[in-house]
Amino acid sequence: MLESERIECPYCGEAFDIEIDCSAGGQQYTEDCAVCCQPILVTTNCDSDGVLLGVTATREND
């Protein structure tokens, strides 16, 4: 079950869409910004039914 979510890059401030797989529960992974290519730490929060509850995007080294 993929969900599309718009996040804002913590480096350049540009917004772009990412695909999130909620079937695996909450996750934390690194994804490069689609605009400036900086590494973003993406943290997802999903409930036990696979519903996306929230997404945060932070600098990888913060």
N, C-alpha and C. Protein backbone atom coordinates (compact mmCIF):
# COMPACT_ATOMS: atom_id res chain seq x y z
N MET A 1 0.84 -1.16 0.00
CA MET A 1 0.00 0.00 0.00
C MET A 1 0.90 1.24 0.00
N LEU A 2 1.01 1.90 -1.12
CA LEU A 2 1.84 3.10 -1.24
C LEU A 2 1.00 4.35 -1.07
N GLU A 3 1.53 5.28 -0.31
CA GLU A 3 0.90 6.58 -0.10
C GLU A 3 1.81 7.64 -0.67
N SER A 4 1.25 8.62 -1.32
CA SER A 4 2.03 9.75 -1.82
C SER A 4 1.90 10.88 -0.80
N GLU A 5 3.04 11.45 -0.44
CA GLU A 5 3.06 12.51 0.55
C GLU A 5 4.02 13.61 0.09
N ARG A 6 3.62 14.86 0.27
CA ARG A 6 4.46 15.99 -0.10
C ARG A 6 5.27 16.39 1.13
N ILE A 7 6.60 16.46 0.96
CA ILE A 7 7.47 16.91 2.04
C ILE A 7 8.26 18.13 1.57
N GLU A 8 8.80 18.85 2.53
CA GLU A 8 9.63 20.02 2.22
C GLU A 8 11.07 19.71 2.61
N CYS A 9 11.99 19.97 1.72
CA CYS A 9 13.40 19.72 1.97
C CYS A 9 13.88 20.66 3.09
N PRO A 10 14.52 20.11 4.13
CA PRO A 10 15.03 20.95 5.21
C PRO A 10 16.29 21.73 4.83
N TYR A 11 16.84 21.47 3.65
CA TYR A 11 18.03 22.19 3.18
C TYR A 11 17.64 23.36 2.28
N CYS A 12 16.90 23.07 1.20
CA CYS A 12 16.61 24.11 0.21
C CYS A 12 15.19 24.66 0.30
N GLY A 13 14.31 24.00 1.05
CA GLY A 13 12.95 24.48 1.25
C GLY A 13 11.96 24.11 0.15
N GLU A 14 12.42 23.44 -0.89
CA GLU A 14 11.52 23.04 -1.98
C GLU A 14 10.67 21.85 -1.56
N ALA A 15 9.43 21.83 -2.02
CA ALA A 15 8.52 20.72 -1.73
C ALA A 15 8.49 19.76 -2.90
N PHE A 16 8.41 18.47 -2.57
CA PHE A 16 8.29 17.43 -3.61
C PHE A 16 7.57 16.23 -3.01
N ASP A 17 7.08 15.35 -3.87
CA ASP A 17 6.31 14.18 -3.43
C ASP A 17 7.22 12.97 -3.27
N ILE A 18 6.93 12.17 -2.24
CA ILE A 18 7.60 10.89 -2.04
C ILE A 18 6.54 9.82 -1.92
N GLU A 19 6.92 8.58 -2.17
CA GLU A 19 6.03 7.43 -2.01
C GLU A 19 6.40 6.71 -0.72
N ILE A 20 5.39 6.39 0.09
CA ILE A 20 5.62 5.75 1.38
C ILE A 20 4.86 4.43 1.40
N ASP A 21 5.55 3.35 1.82
CA ASP A 21 4.95 2.03 1.95
C ASP A 21 4.51 1.84 3.39
N CYS A 22 3.23 1.99 3.65
CA CYS A 22 2.70 1.89 5.01
C CYS A 22 2.48 0.44 5.45
N SER A 23 2.59 -0.51 4.55
CA SER A 23 2.38 -1.91 4.92
C SER A 23 3.48 -2.42 5.85
N ALA A 24 4.61 -1.75 5.89
CA ALA A 24 5.73 -2.15 6.74
C ALA A 24 5.71 -1.44 8.09
N GLY A 25 4.69 -0.63 8.36
CA GLY A 25 4.64 0.12 9.61
C GLY A 25 5.50 1.37 9.52
N GLY A 26 5.75 1.98 10.66
CA GLY A 26 6.58 3.17 10.69
C GLY A 26 8.02 2.85 10.29
N GLN A 27 8.65 3.79 9.63
CA GLN A 27 10.02 3.57 9.14
C GLN A 27 10.85 4.83 9.29
N GLN A 28 12.16 4.65 9.19
CA GLN A 28 13.08 5.78 9.12
C GLN A 28 14.12 5.43 8.06
N TYR A 29 14.27 6.32 7.08
CA TYR A 29 15.20 6.05 5.99
C TYR A 29 15.69 7.37 5.41
N THR A 30 16.75 7.30 4.62
CA THR A 30 17.32 8.48 3.98
C THR A 30 16.89 8.52 2.52
N GLU A 31 16.44 9.69 2.10
CA GLU A 31 16.06 9.91 0.70
C GLU A 31 16.67 11.23 0.26
N ASP A 32 17.25 11.25 -0.93
CA ASP A 32 17.84 12.48 -1.44
C ASP A 32 16.76 13.44 -1.92
N CYS A 33 16.98 14.73 -1.68
CA CYS A 33 16.07 15.76 -2.16
C CYS A 33 16.02 15.71 -3.69
N ALA A 34 14.83 15.79 -4.23
CA ALA A 34 14.65 15.76 -5.68
C ALA A 34 15.17 17.03 -6.35
N VAL A 35 15.41 18.08 -5.57
CA VAL A 35 15.84 19.35 -6.13
C VAL A 35 17.34 19.59 -5.90
N CYS A 36 17.79 19.53 -4.62
CA CYS A 36 19.19 19.87 -4.32
C CYS A 36 20.07 18.65 -4.04
N CYS A 37 19.48 17.46 -4.00
CA CYS A 37 20.19 16.19 -3.82
C CYS A 37 20.82 15.99 -2.44
N GLN A 38 20.48 16.82 -1.46
CA GLN A 38 20.98 16.63 -0.10
C GLN A 38 20.24 15.46 0.56
N PRO A 39 20.90 14.74 1.50
CA PRO A 39 20.26 13.59 2.15
C PRO A 39 19.27 14.03 3.23
N ILE A 40 18.03 13.57 3.11
CA ILE A 40 16.96 13.90 4.04
C ILE A 40 16.61 12.65 4.84
N LEU A 41 16.53 12.79 6.17
CA LEU A 41 16.08 11.69 7.00
C LEU A 41 14.56 11.76 7.08
N VAL A 42 13.90 10.75 6.49
CA VAL A 42 12.44 10.68 6.46
C VAL A 42 11.99 9.71 7.54
N THR A 43 11.08 10.16 8.41
CA THR A 43 10.51 9.31 9.45
C THR A 43 9.00 9.24 9.22
N THR A 44 8.48 8.02 9.09
CA THR A 44 7.05 7.84 8.87
C THR A 44 6.42 7.18 10.09
N ASN A 45 5.18 7.54 10.33
CA ASN A 45 4.41 6.96 11.42
C ASN A 45 3.12 6.40 10.83
N CYS A 46 2.96 5.09 10.92
CA CYS A 46 1.77 4.41 10.39
C CYS A 46 1.13 3.59 11.50
N ASP A 47 -0.19 3.49 11.48
CA ASP A 47 -0.85 2.66 12.50
C ASP A 47 -0.85 1.19 12.07
N SER A 48 -1.41 0.34 12.91
CA SER A 48 -1.39 -1.11 12.65
C SER A 48 -2.23 -1.51 11.45
N ASP A 49 -3.12 -0.62 10.99
CA ASP A 49 -3.93 -0.90 9.81
C ASP A 49 -3.28 -0.40 8.52
N GLY A 50 -2.07 0.17 8.62
CA GLY A 50 -1.38 0.67 7.45
C GLY A 50 -1.80 2.07 7.04
N VAL A 51 -2.40 2.82 7.95
CA VAL A 51 -2.81 4.19 7.67
C VAL A 51 -1.67 5.14 8.05
N LEU A 52 -1.31 6.01 7.13
CA LEU A 52 -0.24 6.98 7.38
C LEU A 52 -0.73 8.03 8.36
N LEU A 53 -0.02 8.16 9.48
CA LEU A 53 -0.38 9.13 10.51
C LEU A 53 0.44 10.41 10.43
N GLY A 54 1.67 10.30 9.91
CA GLY A 54 2.50 11.49 9.81
C GLY A 54 3.85 11.19 9.19
N VAL A 55 4.48 12.24 8.68
CA VAL A 55 5.80 12.15 8.06
C VAL A 55 6.60 13.37 8.50
N THR A 56 7.86 13.13 8.87
CA THR A 56 8.76 14.25 9.15
C THR A 56 9.98 14.12 8.26
N ALA A 57 10.51 15.27 7.88
CA ALA A 57 11.71 15.32 7.04
C ALA A 57 12.71 16.24 7.72
N THR A 58 13.86 15.70 8.10
CA THR A 58 14.88 16.47 8.79
C THR A 58 16.23 16.29 8.10
N ARG A 59 17.15 17.18 8.43
CA ARG A 59 18.52 17.01 7.91
C ARG A 59 19.10 15.73 8.45
N GLU A 60 19.86 15.03 7.63
CA GLU A 60 20.38 13.72 8.02
C GLU A 60 21.29 13.81 9.25
N ASN A 61 22.03 14.87 9.40
CA ASN A 61 23.01 14.95 10.48
C ASN A 61 22.54 15.76 11.69
N ASP A 62 21.25 16.07 11.78
CA ASP A 62 20.74 16.82 12.94
C ASP A 62 20.44 15.91 14.10
